[in-house]
């Protein structure tokens, strides 16, 4: 089940937390080269119990990022290739009649893993996309009037191609709002891409990745992130940013309450990653674009990158608490 603030017995040793985060990021960086900020954002989402939407062109390492994170923590990983004929039962599971027991038996689908890669999620129909809503929000799924808890930790990394629209079903706002962070990997720096070509790829390195953080340590990190202190003024700052998007003429749809909460929790995780037990305005500013850009709709239209730029303008125009 999702970790509640009341479950936190004592703050985590911030030095130990930062060291664990460094091990996790260093392991992931062995296969995702030249992208420390992308790795940090993915780790922040993992620590804050959030989900990640990766919007980028094929072949830049979206699948590799998900696999590297799962292997580095020794978590169960499942990849689901979303297609137009994929059914909700294909990802959640089905009930099958057991002849020996003379009863129906639930057979879990690939959603019952710690790290689930929803590849090209916008190729599935809205009915199948919506099957993820309950899982992403409550870490549970409902099948034939029964609810089943998903394994913990649980994170969905979904990908979509921003340039291909034929045969796709754009994610509705309610679905986008369930993702804590949206990322773009982009192409690696020239020297890293050259080294990648000369080494023959990262498949062998990826296959050889060993857990550097245990599942129990990750759960402790998630609890520690909830224990990070956020000053009252900083809470007000997060709310002011959300309110500004709702009142700005640039936005047709502003940031939801869930979006403000996601920014708050991501700032806590950012602080823990850097060895602090308190969040700073810098954490909020650094995260605002990635946490909020997929939750808003621009009045003049535009993609996530345009929305990110608009969010940045809101950040720059909103006074920072002293």
Protein backbone atom coordinates (compact mmCIF):
# COMPACT_ATOMS: atom_id res chain seq x y z
CA UNK A 1 0.00 0.00 0.00
CA UNK A 2 1.05 3.60 -0.46
CA UNK A 3 3.23 4.95 2.33
CA UNK A 4 1.39 7.50 4.44
CA UNK A 5 3.14 10.32 6.32
CA UNK A 6 2.00 8.82 9.62
CA UNK A 7 3.95 5.64 8.79
CA UNK A 8 7.24 7.52 9.04
CA UNK A 9 8.72 6.71 12.43
CA UNK A 10 11.85 8.85 12.20
CA UNK A 11 13.62 10.96 9.57
CA UNK A 12 16.10 9.05 7.45
CA UNK A 13 19.80 9.79 7.85
CA UNK A 14 20.19 12.28 4.99
CA UNK A 15 23.85 11.40 4.37
CA UNK A 16 22.95 7.72 4.02
CA UNK A 17 20.02 8.63 1.75
CA UNK A 18 22.22 10.75 -0.54
CA UNK A 19 24.76 7.93 -0.73
CA UNK A 20 22.07 5.41 -1.75
CA UNK A 21 20.74 7.82 -4.37
CA UNK A 22 24.28 8.29 -5.73
CA UNK A 23 24.70 4.51 -6.08
CA UNK A 24 21.37 4.22 -7.89
CA UNK A 25 22.13 7.10 -10.26
CA UNK A 26 25.66 5.88 -10.96
CA UNK A 27 24.38 2.41 -11.85
CA UNK A 28 21.73 3.84 -14.20
CA UNK A 29 24.30 6.19 -15.75
CA UNK A 30 26.32 3.20 -16.93
CA UNK A 31 23.73 2.70 -19.69
CA UNK A 32 22.04 6.12 -19.91
CA UNK A 33 25.08 8.19 -20.75
CA UNK A 34 25.40 11.95 -20.57
CA UNK A 35 21.92 12.44 -19.07
CA UNK A 36 22.41 13.02 -15.31
CA UNK A 37 19.42 15.39 -15.08
CA UNK A 38 17.07 12.88 -16.72
CA UNK A 39 18.26 10.14 -14.35
CA UNK A 40 17.84 12.44 -11.35
CA UNK A 41 14.26 13.29 -12.36
CA UNK A 42 13.38 9.60 -12.78
CA UNK A 43 14.87 8.79 -9.38
CA UNK A 44 12.98 11.68 -7.78
CA UNK A 45 9.72 10.28 -9.16
CA UNK A 46 10.62 6.84 -7.81
CA UNK A 47 11.34 8.24 -4.34
CA UNK A 48 8.16 10.34 -4.37
CA UNK A 49 6.08 7.30 -5.40
CA UNK A 50 5.19 8.95 -8.69
CA UNK A 51 4.95 7.82 -12.30
CA UNK A 52 6.96 9.02 -15.30
CA UNK A 53 5.83 9.94 -18.81
CA UNK A 54 8.66 9.93 -21.35
CA UNK A 55 7.80 11.70 -24.59
CA UNK A 56 10.54 11.29 -27.17
CA UNK A 57 11.48 9.85 -30.54
CA UNK A 58 12.32 6.12 -30.86
CA UNK A 59 15.81 4.87 -30.14
CA UNK A 60 17.03 7.29 -27.47
CA UNK A 61 16.91 4.93 -24.47
CA UNK A 62 13.41 5.14 -23.01
CA UNK A 63 13.14 1.37 -22.49
CA UNK A 64 16.74 1.17 -21.31
CA UNK A 65 16.09 3.78 -18.61
CA UNK A 66 13.19 1.76 -17.17
CA UNK A 67 15.15 -1.49 -17.26
CA UNK A 68 18.25 0.09 -15.69
CA UNK A 69 16.24 1.50 -12.78
CA UNK A 70 14.55 -1.85 -12.18
CA UNK A 71 17.81 -3.82 -12.33
CA UNK A 72 19.64 -1.35 -10.08
CA UNK A 73 17.11 -1.97 -7.30
CA UNK A 74 16.46 -5.64 -8.06
CA UNK A 75 12.79 -4.97 -8.81
CA UNK A 76 10.41 -7.02 -10.95
CA UNK A 77 10.17 -5.44 -14.42
CA UNK A 78 7.49 -5.88 -17.07
CA UNK A 79 7.20 -4.27 -20.48
CA UNK A 80 3.80 -3.92 -22.16
CA UNK A 81 3.72 -2.94 -25.83
CA UNK A 82 0.54 -0.91 -26.19
CA UNK A 83 -1.37 -1.47 -29.43
CA UNK A 84 -4.84 -0.64 -30.68
CA UNK A 85 -6.09 -4.19 -30.02
CA UNK A 86 -4.73 -4.42 -26.46
CA UNK A 87 -7.48 -5.12 -23.92
CA UNK A 88 -7.61 -4.09 -20.23
CA UNK A 89 -7.46 -7.77 -19.23
CA UNK A 90 -4.19 -8.11 -21.18
CA UNK A 91 -2.46 -5.84 -18.66
CA UNK A 92 -4.49 -6.35 -15.47
CA UNK A 93 -5.12 -10.10 -15.65
CA UNK A 94 -8.08 -12.46 -15.92
CA UNK A 95 -10.07 -14.92 -13.83
CA UNK A 96 -9.81 -18.50 -15.12
CA UNK A 97 -11.88 -21.44 -13.94
CA UNK A 98 -9.69 -23.97 -12.13
CA UNK A 99 -11.07 -27.45 -12.83
CA UNK A 100 -9.21 -29.04 -9.91
CA UNK A 101 -10.43 -26.50 -7.36
CA UNK A 102 -13.83 -25.99 -9.04
CA UNK A 103 -13.42 -22.25 -8.56
CA UNK A 104 -12.31 -19.20 -10.47
CA UNK A 105 -8.68 -18.28 -10.02
CA UNK A 106 -7.19 -14.85 -10.73
CA UNK A 107 -4.15 -14.89 -13.02
CA UNK A 108 -2.27 -11.57 -12.62
CA UNK A 109 -1.25 -9.66 -15.72
CA UNK A 110 2.03 -7.78 -16.35
CA UNK A 111 0.75 -4.84 -14.28
CA UNK A 112 1.66 -6.87 -11.18
CA UNK A 113 5.33 -5.84 -11.23
CA UNK A 114 7.35 -3.16 -9.46
CA UNK A 115 8.41 -1.30 -12.60
CA UNK A 116 5.99 -1.38 -15.54
CA UNK A 117 7.02 0.06 -18.90
CA UNK A 118 3.90 1.10 -20.85
CA UNK A 119 5.52 1.41 -24.26
CA UNK A 120 3.76 3.76 -26.72
CA UNK A 121 0.84 4.16 -24.34
CA UNK A 122 -1.02 6.47 -26.74
CA UNK A 123 -1.46 3.62 -29.25
CA UNK A 124 -3.97 1.88 -26.98
CA UNK A 125 -7.66 2.76 -26.96
CA UNK A 126 -9.03 5.01 -24.20
CA UNK A 127 -10.66 1.96 -22.57
CA UNK A 128 -7.29 0.26 -22.13
CA UNK A 129 -5.56 3.48 -21.12
CA UNK A 130 -8.16 4.01 -18.40
CA UNK A 131 -7.36 0.57 -16.97
CA UNK A 132 -4.17 2.13 -15.65
CA UNK A 133 -5.94 4.96 -13.81
CA UNK A 134 -6.88 2.99 -10.70
CA UNK A 135 -3.48 1.28 -10.59
CA UNK A 136 -1.58 4.57 -10.85
CA UNK A 137 -3.74 6.37 -8.29
CA UNK A 138 -4.40 3.71 -5.68
CA UNK A 139 -1.83 0.97 -6.35
CA UNK A 140 -4.77 -1.44 -6.64
CA UNK A 141 -6.86 -2.93 -9.45
CA UNK A 142 -10.46 -4.13 -9.50
CA UNK A 143 -11.43 -7.36 -11.20
CA UNK A 144 -14.98 -8.74 -11.00
CA UNK A 145 -15.86 -6.87 -7.80
CA UNK A 146 -12.60 -7.83 -6.09
CA UNK A 147 -9.66 -5.52 -5.46
CA UNK A 148 -6.06 -6.67 -5.65
CA UNK A 149 -3.12 -4.73 -4.22
CA UNK A 150 -0.14 -4.22 -6.52
CA UNK A 151 3.39 -5.02 -5.31
CA UNK A 152 5.31 -2.22 -3.62
CA UNK A 153 7.11 -0.21 -4.73
CA UNK A 154 5.12 0.34 -7.92
CA UNK A 155 5.95 2.77 -10.71
CA UNK A 156 4.72 3.15 -14.28
CA UNK A 157 7.08 4.53 -16.90
CA UNK A 158 5.06 5.30 -20.02
CA UNK A 159 6.44 6.35 -23.39
CA UNK A 160 4.91 8.07 -26.37
CA UNK A 161 6.26 9.35 -29.69
CA UNK A 162 5.56 13.10 -30.06
CA UNK A 163 5.96 13.07 -33.85
CA UNK A 164 3.68 10.21 -34.87
CA UNK A 165 -0.06 10.71 -34.65
CA UNK A 166 -1.48 8.13 -37.08
CA UNK A 167 -3.29 5.39 -35.17
CA UNK A 168 -2.82 7.03 -31.77
CA UNK A 169 -5.24 8.10 -29.04
CA UNK A 170 -3.99 11.17 -27.15
CA UNK A 171 -3.97 10.72 -23.39
CA UNK A 172 -6.84 12.58 -21.68
CA UNK A 173 -6.07 15.23 -19.06
CA UNK A 174 -7.19 12.92 -16.25
CA UNK A 175 -4.60 10.35 -17.33
CA UNK A 176 -1.81 12.89 -17.81
CA UNK A 177 -2.46 14.27 -14.34
CA UNK A 178 -1.54 10.88 -12.83
CA UNK A 179 2.04 11.21 -14.01
CA UNK A 180 4.29 13.00 -11.55
CA UNK A 181 7.00 13.94 -14.04
CA UNK A 182 7.31 14.17 -17.82
CA UNK A 183 10.73 13.82 -19.43
CA UNK A 184 12.50 14.03 -22.76
CA UNK A 185 15.75 12.12 -23.04
CA UNK A 186 16.98 13.67 -26.27
CA UNK A 187 20.07 12.45 -28.11
CA UNK A 188 23.26 11.80 -26.12
CA UNK A 189 26.14 14.30 -26.24
CA UNK A 190 28.42 13.76 -29.30
CA UNK A 191 31.33 12.15 -27.36
CA UNK A 192 28.97 9.85 -25.47
CA UNK A 193 27.25 8.84 -28.73
CA UNK A 194 30.66 8.15 -30.31
CA UNK A 195 31.69 6.02 -27.31
CA UNK A 196 28.38 4.19 -27.57
CA UNK A 197 28.99 3.35 -31.23
CA UNK A 198 32.54 2.16 -30.59
CA UNK A 199 31.51 -0.01 -27.64
CA UNK A 200 28.81 -1.77 -29.63
CA UNK A 201 25.86 -0.61 -27.51
CA UNK A 202 24.78 -1.01 -23.91
CA UNK A 203 22.97 -4.37 -24.07
CA UNK A 204 25.78 -6.30 -22.34
CA UNK A 205 26.25 -3.63 -19.68
CA UNK A 206 22.50 -3.54 -19.04
CA UNK A 207 22.31 -7.33 -18.74
CA UNK A 208 25.16 -7.22 -16.23
CA UNK A 209 23.68 -4.56 -13.95
CA UNK A 210 23.38 -5.76 -10.36
CA UNK A 211 21.21 -4.28 -7.59
CA UNK A 212 23.03 -1.46 -5.80
CA UNK A 213 20.06 -0.52 -3.59
CA UNK A 214 17.81 -3.13 -2.01
CA UNK A 215 14.03 -3.02 -2.14
CA UNK A 216 13.96 -2.35 1.60
CA UNK A 217 16.40 0.55 1.21
CA UNK A 218 14.23 2.02 -1.53
CA UNK A 219 11.13 1.80 0.68
CA UNK A 220 13.10 3.57 3.43
CA UNK A 221 14.04 6.29 0.94
CA UNK A 222 10.39 6.72 0.02
CA UNK A 223 9.48 7.04 3.70
CA UNK A 224 12.38 9.45 4.23
CA UNK A 225 11.19 11.66 1.38
CA UNK A 226 7.82 12.02 3.12
CA UNK A 227 9.67 13.14 6.27
CA UNK A 228 11.49 16.05 4.56
CA UNK A 229 10.40 19.35 6.10
CA UNK A 230 8.65 21.93 3.91
CA UNK A 231 8.34 25.41 5.40
CA UNK A 232 4.96 27.12 5.46
CA UNK A 233 6.24 29.84 3.14
CA UNK A 234 7.38 27.23 0.63
CA UNK A 235 3.96 25.57 0.72
CA UNK A 236 2.48 28.99 -0.08
CA UNK A 237 4.96 29.36 -2.95
CA UNK A 238 3.84 26.04 -4.51
CA UNK A 239 0.21 27.13 -4.25
CA UNK A 240 1.01 30.55 -5.75
CA UNK A 241 2.59 28.88 -8.79
CA UNK A 242 -0.47 26.67 -9.27
CA UNK A 243 -2.82 29.65 -8.86
CA UNK A 244 -0.80 31.70 -11.33
CA UNK A 245 -1.32 29.08 -14.06
CA UNK A 246 -5.08 29.15 -13.40
CA UNK A 247 -5.24 32.93 -13.69
CA UNK A 248 -2.79 33.45 -16.55
CA UNK A 249 -4.18 34.28 -19.99
CA UNK A 250 -1.62 31.85 -21.48
CA UNK A 251 -3.41 28.79 -20.11
CA UNK A 252 -6.76 27.33 -21.02
CA UNK A 253 -6.36 24.79 -18.22
CA UNK A 254 -4.17 25.48 -15.20
CA UNK A 255 -2.48 23.19 -12.68
CA UNK A 256 -4.79 20.97 -10.63
CA UNK A 257 -4.61 20.39 -6.89
CA UNK A 258 -3.06 17.01 -7.66
CA UNK A 259 -0.40 18.84 -9.66
CA UNK A 260 0.43 21.14 -6.73
CA UNK A 261 0.67 18.10 -4.46
CA UNK A 262 2.99 16.37 -6.95
CA UNK A 263 5.29 19.42 -7.00
CA UNK A 264 5.33 19.44 -3.18
CA UNK A 265 6.25 15.75 -2.96
CA UNK A 266 8.83 15.98 -5.75
CA UNK A 267 10.52 18.88 -3.92
CA UNK A 268 10.75 16.69 -0.81
CA UNK A 269 12.39 13.91 -2.86
CA UNK A 270 14.78 16.39 -4.52
CA UNK A 271 15.93 17.60 -1.10
CA UNK A 272 16.55 14.03 0.07
CA UNK A 273 18.55 13.26 -3.09
CA UNK A 274 20.85 16.14 -2.22
CA UNK A 275 21.27 15.13 1.40
CA UNK A 276 18.94 17.65 3.01
CA UNK A 277 16.02 17.13 5.38
CA UNK A 278 14.37 20.36 4.25
CA UNK A 279 13.15 21.61 0.87
CA UNK A 280 14.21 24.90 -0.74
CA UNK A 281 12.58 27.23 -3.28
CA UNK A 282 15.34 26.15 -5.70
CA UNK A 283 13.96 22.59 -5.57
CA UNK A 284 10.50 23.82 -6.56
CA UNK A 285 11.87 26.02 -9.35
CA UNK A 286 14.05 23.24 -10.76
CA UNK A 287 11.16 20.77 -10.79
CA UNK A 288 8.27 23.00 -11.87
CA UNK A 289 8.70 22.52 -15.62
CA UNK A 290 8.92 18.71 -15.50
CA UNK A 291 6.15 18.26 -12.93
CA UNK A 292 3.63 20.75 -14.32
CA UNK A 293 4.06 21.02 -18.11
CA UNK A 294 1.94 17.95 -19.00
CA UNK A 295 -0.89 19.05 -16.68
CA UNK A 296 -1.72 22.35 -18.41
CA UNK A 297 -3.30 23.27 -21.73
CA UNK A 298 -2.06 26.35 -23.54
CA UNK A 299 -4.69 28.68 -24.95
CA UNK A 300 -2.85 28.85 -28.29
CA UNK A 301 -2.03 25.14 -28.34
CA UNK A 302 1.39 23.56 -28.28
CA UNK A 303 3.32 20.53 -27.05
CA UNK A 304 4.94 19.77 -23.70
CA UNK A 305 7.99 21.84 -24.63
CA UNK A 306 5.84 24.93 -25.23
CA UNK A 307 4.02 24.29 -21.96
CA UNK A 308 7.36 23.90 -20.15
CA UNK A 309 8.46 27.31 -21.45
CA UNK A 310 5.16 28.85 -20.31
CA UNK A 311 5.57 27.29 -16.85
CA UNK A 312 9.08 28.73 -16.69
CA UNK A 313 7.67 32.20 -17.38
CA UNK A 314 5.24 31.72 -14.49
CA UNK A 315 8.12 30.69 -12.22
CA UNK A 316 10.14 33.74 -13.21
CA UNK A 317 7.24 36.11 -12.59
CA UNK A 318 6.22 34.68 -9.20
CA UNK A 319 8.06 36.18 -6.18
CA UNK A 320 10.25 33.71 -4.27
CA UNK A 321 9.56 33.51 -0.51
CA UNK A 322 12.38 34.85 1.66
